[in-house]
Protein backbone atom coordinates (compact mmCIF):
# COMPACT_ATOMS: atom_id res chain seq x y z
CA MET A 1 23.77 -42.43 7.37
CA SER A 2 22.23 -43.04 4.04
CA GLU A 3 21.20 -39.90 2.28
CA GLN A 4 18.65 -41.74 0.21
CA ASN A 5 16.58 -43.22 3.14
CA PRO A 6 17.19 -41.47 6.48
CA SER A 7 15.41 -42.86 9.52
CA PRO A 8 13.82 -40.42 12.05
CA VAL A 9 16.95 -40.70 14.10
CA ASP A 10 19.20 -40.13 11.05
CA PHE A 11 17.08 -37.17 9.96
CA GLN A 12 18.58 -34.79 12.55
CA SER A 13 22.13 -35.98 12.06
CA GLY A 14 21.59 -35.64 8.31
CA PHE A 15 20.96 -31.95 8.87
CA ALA A 16 24.18 -31.53 10.78
CA GLN A 17 26.20 -33.41 8.17
CA LEU A 18 24.78 -31.29 5.28
CA VAL A 19 25.28 -27.92 6.87
CA PRO A 20 28.69 -27.30 5.16
CA ASN A 21 27.19 -28.27 1.81
CA LEU A 22 24.18 -25.89 2.42
CA ARG A 23 26.53 -23.01 3.51
CA ALA A 24 28.55 -23.42 0.35
CA PHE A 25 25.48 -23.43 -1.91
CA ALA A 26 24.04 -20.46 0.01
CA ARG A 27 27.23 -18.54 -0.46
CA SER A 28 27.26 -19.26 -4.14
CA LEU A 29 23.68 -17.81 -4.38
CA CYS A 30 23.98 -14.73 -2.34
CA GLY A 31 27.73 -14.03 -2.15
CA ASN A 32 27.53 -12.76 1.48
CA PRO A 33 28.81 -15.12 4.26
CA ASP A 34 26.51 -13.62 6.90
CA ARG A 35 23.49 -13.73 4.64
CA ALA A 36 24.36 -17.29 3.61
CA ASP A 37 24.44 -18.41 7.19
CA ASP A 38 20.98 -16.77 7.80
CA LEU A 39 19.67 -18.53 4.68
CA VAL A 40 21.01 -21.86 5.95
CA GLN A 41 19.41 -21.33 9.33
CA GLU A 42 16.11 -20.40 7.71
CA THR A 43 16.25 -23.51 5.49
CA LEU A 44 16.91 -25.80 8.45
CA VAL A 45 13.95 -24.27 10.42
CA LYS A 46 11.62 -24.61 7.43
CA ALA A 47 12.84 -28.25 6.81
CA TRP A 48 12.39 -29.18 10.49
CA GLN A 49 8.94 -27.63 10.66
CA ASN A 50 7.93 -29.67 7.52
CA ARG A 51 9.80 -32.78 8.26
CA SER A 52 6.59 -34.72 8.07
CA SER A 53 6.38 -33.90 4.36
CA PHE A 54 9.82 -35.46 3.66
CA ALA A 55 9.20 -38.53 1.60
CA GLU A 56 10.80 -41.69 2.94
CA GLY A 57 13.37 -42.84 0.42
CA SER A 58 13.95 -39.38 -0.95
CA ASN A 59 17.38 -37.64 -1.14
CA LEU A 60 17.66 -35.48 1.95
CA LYS A 61 20.38 -33.35 0.40
CA ALA A 62 18.29 -32.62 -2.64
CA TRP A 63 15.22 -31.82 -0.51
CA LEU A 64 17.26 -29.33 1.68
CA PHE A 65 18.84 -27.70 -1.31
CA THR A 66 15.46 -27.22 -2.88
CA ILE A 67 14.20 -25.55 0.28
CA LEU A 68 17.26 -23.31 0.39
CA ARG A 69 16.94 -22.32 -3.24
CA ASN A 70 13.19 -21.60 -2.98
CA THR A 71 13.75 -19.56 0.16
CA PHE A 72 16.47 -17.54 -1.56
CA LEU A 73 14.32 -16.93 -4.60
CA SER A 74 11.26 -15.85 -2.55
CA GLU A 75 13.51 -13.31 -0.63
CA GLN A 76 14.88 -11.94 -3.94
CA ARG A 77 11.35 -11.38 -5.23
CA LYS A 78 10.43 -9.53 -2.01
CA ARG A 79 13.61 -7.48 -1.99
CA LYS A 80 13.24 -6.23 -5.46
CA HIS A 81 10.31 -4.15 -4.15
CA GLU A 82 12.30 -2.81 -1.20
CA ILE A 83 14.59 0.19 -0.98
CA GLU A 84 17.61 0.11 1.23
CA ASP A 85 17.28 3.07 3.65
CA ALA A 86 19.61 2.34 6.69
CA ASP A 87 19.83 5.95 7.84
CA GLY A 88 16.14 6.79 7.19
CA LYS A 89 16.96 9.55 4.84
CA TYR A 90 14.63 8.34 2.00
CA ALA A 91 11.73 7.64 4.37
CA GLY A 92 12.17 11.07 5.99
CA GLY A 93 11.79 12.65 2.56
CA ILE A 94 8.54 11.03 1.75
CA ALA A 95 6.75 11.70 5.06
CA VAL A 96 3.19 13.04 4.75
CA ASN A 97 1.75 15.57 7.12
CA GLY A 98 -1.37 14.49 8.99
CA SER A 99 -4.63 15.13 7.23
CA GLN A 100 -6.82 15.58 10.24
CA ALA A 101 -7.37 19.28 9.60
CA SER A 102 -8.36 18.81 5.95
CA HIS A 103 -10.72 15.91 6.83
CA LEU A 104 -12.45 17.98 9.50
CA GLU A 105 -12.76 20.90 6.99
CA LEU A 106 -14.49 18.45 4.50
CA LEU A 107 -16.87 17.37 7.13
CA ASP A 108 -17.73 20.95 7.92
CA PHE A 109 -18.18 21.68 4.24
CA SER A 110 -20.34 18.62 3.80
CA LYS A 111 -22.62 19.74 6.65
CA ALA A 112 -22.89 23.23 5.35
CA PHE A 113 -23.50 21.99 1.75
CA ASP A 114 -26.32 19.86 3.03
CA THR A 115 -28.15 22.86 4.45
CA LEU A 116 -28.41 24.52 0.95
CA PRO A 117 -31.67 24.22 -0.90
CA ALA A 118 -31.73 21.49 -3.53
CA GLU A 119 -31.62 23.93 -6.47
CA GLN A 120 -28.53 25.68 -5.07
CA ARG A 121 -26.74 22.43 -4.40
CA GLU A 122 -27.56 21.19 -7.93
CA ALA A 123 -26.35 24.50 -9.44
CA LEU A 124 -23.15 24.56 -7.39
CA VAL A 125 -22.33 20.96 -8.33
CA LEU A 126 -22.93 21.47 -12.03
CA VAL A 127 -21.04 24.82 -12.34
CA GLY A 128 -18.50 24.57 -9.48
CA ALA A 129 -17.67 20.92 -9.33
CA GLU A 130 -18.41 19.52 -12.69
CA GLY A 131 -17.19 22.61 -14.55
CA PHE A 132 -20.27 23.08 -16.82
CA ALA A 133 -20.88 26.62 -18.26
CA TYR A 134 -23.79 28.50 -16.82
CA GLU A 135 -25.61 28.12 -20.11
CA GLU A 136 -25.09 24.29 -20.16
CA ALA A 137 -26.26 23.97 -16.51
CA ALA A 138 -29.28 26.22 -17.18
CA LEU A 139 -30.26 23.97 -20.11
CA MET A 140 -29.88 20.78 -17.87
CA CYS A 141 -32.01 22.33 -15.15
CA GLY A 142 -34.59 23.86 -17.44
CA CYS A 143 -34.10 27.46 -16.16
CA ALA A 144 -32.81 30.73 -17.48
CA VAL A 145 -29.07 31.44 -17.42
CA GLY A 146 -29.59 34.42 -15.04
CA THR A 147 -31.44 32.02 -12.66
CA MET A 148 -28.51 29.58 -12.74
CA LYS A 149 -26.09 32.42 -12.00
CA SER A 150 -28.23 33.55 -9.17
CA ARG A 151 -28.44 30.10 -7.68
CA VAL A 152 -24.73 29.52 -7.84
CA ASN A 153 -24.03 32.97 -6.38
CA ARG A 154 -26.48 32.54 -3.41
CA ALA A 155 -24.99 29.04 -2.75
CA ARG A 156 -21.45 30.41 -2.70
CA GLU A 157 -22.44 33.29 -0.35
CA LYS A 158 -24.36 30.98 2.05
CA LEU A 159 -21.42 28.49 2.21
CA THR A 160 -19.00 31.37 2.79
CA THR A 161 -21.12 32.58 5.73
CA LEU A 162 -21.65 29.07 7.23
CA LEU A 163 -18.00 28.26 7.05
CA GLY A 164 -16.87 31.64 8.33
CA GLU A 165 -14.71 32.35 5.41
CA LYS A 166 -13.91 35.96 4.43
CA ASP A 167 -15.14 36.95 1.05
CA ASP A 168 -12.29 39.08 -0.41
CA ASP A 169 -13.74 39.37 -3.92
CA GLY A 170 -16.85 41.37 -3.17
CA PRO A 171 -20.49 40.25 -2.71
CA SER A 172 -20.61 38.03 -5.78
CA GLY A 173 -17.72 35.76 -4.55
CA ARG A 174 -15.85 36.36 -7.79
């Protein structure tokens, strides 16, 4: 067989003849005989699947070595983002509890919040969520500071009642 110009019949036999060379090259790249055999097998599968792209008159050995090297480098790029965790110890430590309960609580809050009058929702968002002082929120809404405090207080009390929460801090919710 000529490496430079394999016929379709010689293509398959060329693979077989080059396996020892591919194995030696793969071992030099990865250092592990088992991993090298897997790499050679993957190379041969890719080459066979793409045999129509092999240019007649090209060097089969060089073509296969290029596929092997590119396959190895692609795997290296993927593996640098992976963490070896054979016993599952690492994965077990990063498990996250289900969030169904908190999602349902958020839905309940959203429904209850939507039942508040517009002025109370606005006051609660400005003071409670956005962190503005009562004075700043009152200026934004064009009302007195006492009115803003009253709106926030009434909104908190109504949400507490709607959500069935116990108010431990007295009637003002503070």
